[in-house]
Amino acid sequence: DPVMLGRLTTAVVLLALALSTSPTASGGDDVRVEGRCSGASDASLRLDAEHGSIRVELRIDTRARSARWRVILLHERQIVFRRSLRTGSSSGTLRLRRTVADWYGSDTIVVRATGARGEACRASATI
């Protein structure tokens, strides 16, 4: 019966799609992206999902030592961190390490940072 064969084919395809995508990030998932900066700085974002949480690591390399940056971390469009941070006095590197909950399905993390001279960096990743 052609109708039954069509329904069976559709069911098999849907089952294969459902099994190929994981609804939550499992242990060992790791995403790394390069951010965009308006000036000479370089930004990178790393997300690591493990055991129901996501470790967020932001790194901004800039020439400005001991410079103040305003950093905002968004998890699914909700602010989970907002604070001013300083780059290292010897390296000029800004680092942020935070842990957020790993929600059901894909999680999108966005980090925005603005330096004292108006330079802005943004990085976004989905895990």
Protein backbone atom coordinates (compact mmCIF):
# COMPACT_ATOMS: atom_id res chain seq x y z
CA ASP A 1 0.00 0.00 0.00
CA PRO A 2 1.66 3.30 -1.11
CA VAL A 3 -0.03 5.40 1.60
CA MET A 4 1.20 3.08 4.37
CA LEU A 5 4.71 3.06 2.87
CA GLY A 6 4.71 6.88 2.81
CA ARG A 7 3.63 7.09 6.46
CA LEU A 8 6.26 4.55 7.49
CA THR A 9 8.97 6.46 5.63
CA THR A 10 7.92 9.71 7.29
CA ALA A 11 7.94 8.08 10.73
CA VAL A 12 11.44 6.66 10.18
CA VAL A 13 12.79 10.04 9.02
CA LEU A 14 11.25 11.84 12.02
CA LEU A 15 12.64 9.25 14.42
CA ALA A 16 16.11 9.58 12.89
CA LEU A 17 15.98 13.38 13.25
CA ALA A 18 14.84 13.12 16.86
CA LEU A 19 17.66 10.76 17.75
CA SER A 20 20.33 12.81 15.98
CA THR A 21 19.76 15.98 18.07
CA SER A 22 20.37 16.01 21.78
CA PRO A 23 17.85 18.10 23.77
CA THR A 24 20.47 19.09 26.37
CA ALA A 25 24.20 19.51 26.32
CA SER A 26 25.86 16.42 27.67
CA GLY A 27 29.15 16.13 29.50
CA GLY A 28 32.14 17.14 27.47
CA ASP A 29 30.41 19.56 25.06
CA ASP A 30 32.75 22.45 24.30
CA VAL A 31 32.20 25.49 22.06
CA ARG A 32 34.80 28.15 21.23
CA VAL A 33 34.18 31.30 19.23
CA GLU A 34 36.11 34.43 18.37
CA GLY A 35 34.35 37.65 19.31
CA ARG A 36 34.24 40.95 17.47
CA CYS A 37 35.83 44.12 18.82
CA SER A 38 35.48 47.64 17.48
CA GLY A 39 39.17 48.42 18.11
CA ALA A 40 42.47 46.56 18.24
CA SER A 41 41.47 44.13 21.02
CA ASP A 42 40.78 40.42 20.49
CA ALA A 43 37.96 38.57 22.26
CA SER A 44 37.27 34.85 22.61
CA LEU A 45 34.47 32.97 24.33
CA ARG A 46 34.50 29.36 25.47
CA LEU A 47 31.47 27.44 26.72
CA ASP A 48 31.83 24.04 28.35
CA ALA A 49 28.68 22.10 29.34
CA GLU A 50 29.02 19.42 31.96
CA HIS A 51 26.76 17.93 34.65
CA GLY A 52 23.89 20.40 34.34
CA SER A 53 25.95 23.59 34.19
CA ILE A 54 27.78 25.66 31.59
CA ARG A 55 31.20 27.11 32.34
CA VAL A 56 31.62 30.45 30.57
CA GLU A 57 35.12 31.80 29.92
CA LEU A 58 35.64 35.18 28.28
CA ARG A 59 39.08 36.50 27.38
CA ILE A 60 39.81 39.92 25.92
CA ASP A 61 43.39 40.74 24.95
CA THR A 62 43.99 44.46 24.77
CA ARG A 63 46.98 46.78 24.90
CA ALA A 64 45.49 48.81 27.75
CA ARG A 65 46.84 47.66 31.11
CA SER A 66 44.75 48.16 34.26
CA ALA A 67 41.89 49.41 32.09
CA ARG A 68 38.32 49.24 33.32
CA TRP A 69 35.78 47.35 31.21
CA ARG A 70 32.04 47.10 31.80
CA VAL A 71 30.99 43.49 31.16
CA ILE A 72 27.48 42.08 30.71
CA LEU A 73 26.78 38.35 30.45
CA LEU A 74 23.41 37.24 29.03
CA HIS A 75 22.02 33.72 29.24
CA GLU A 76 18.98 33.32 27.00
CA ARG A 77 18.53 37.13 26.89
CA GLN A 78 18.55 37.43 30.69
CA ILE A 79 21.33 39.34 32.45
CA VAL A 80 23.16 36.97 34.78
CA PHE A 81 26.29 39.09 35.36
CA ARG A 82 26.94 42.84 35.13
CA ARG A 83 30.06 44.34 36.60
CA SER A 84 33.13 46.46 35.91
CA LEU A 85 36.36 44.48 35.60
CA ARG A 86 39.96 45.53 35.07
CA THR A 87 42.54 44.14 32.72
CA GLY A 88 45.73 42.78 34.23
CA SER A 89 48.33 45.34 35.26
CA SER A 90 51.10 43.49 33.44
CA SER A 91 49.30 41.63 30.64
CA GLY A 92 46.41 43.83 29.52
CA THR A 93 44.16 40.74 29.49
CA LEU A 94 40.63 40.73 30.84
CA ARG A 95 39.24 37.38 32.01
CA LEU A 96 35.77 36.41 33.13
CA ARG A 97 34.86 32.95 34.40
CA ARG A 98 31.30 32.20 35.45
CA THR A 99 29.05 29.18 35.69
CA VAL A 100 25.40 29.25 34.61
CA ALA A 101 22.69 26.57 34.66
CA ASP A 102 22.38 24.34 31.61
CA TRP A 103 18.73 24.67 30.65
CA TYR A 104 16.77 22.15 28.59
CA GLY A 105 17.63 22.40 24.90
CA SER A 106 20.14 24.80 23.39
CA ASP A 107 21.50 27.64 25.51
CA THR A 108 22.69 30.91 23.98
CA ILE A 109 25.31 32.94 25.83
CA VAL A 110 26.15 36.51 24.82
CA VAL A 111 28.90 38.61 26.39
CA ARG A 112 29.30 42.34 25.77
CA ALA A 113 32.19 44.39 27.10
CA THR A 114 32.87 48.11 26.76
CA GLY A 115 36.24 49.67 27.54
CA ALA A 116 36.99 53.11 28.96
CA ARG A 117 37.85 54.56 25.55
CA GLY A 118 34.60 53.37 24.00
CA GLU A 119 35.93 50.18 22.46
CA ALA A 120 33.30 47.44 22.48
CA CYS A 121 33.64 43.67 22.19
CA ARG A 122 30.88 41.11 21.69
CA ALA A 123 30.92 37.34 21.59
CA SER A 124 28.02 34.94 21.26
CA ALA A 125 27.74 31.14 21.21
CA THR A 126 25.08 28.49 21.47
CA ILE A 127 25.65 25.17 23.19
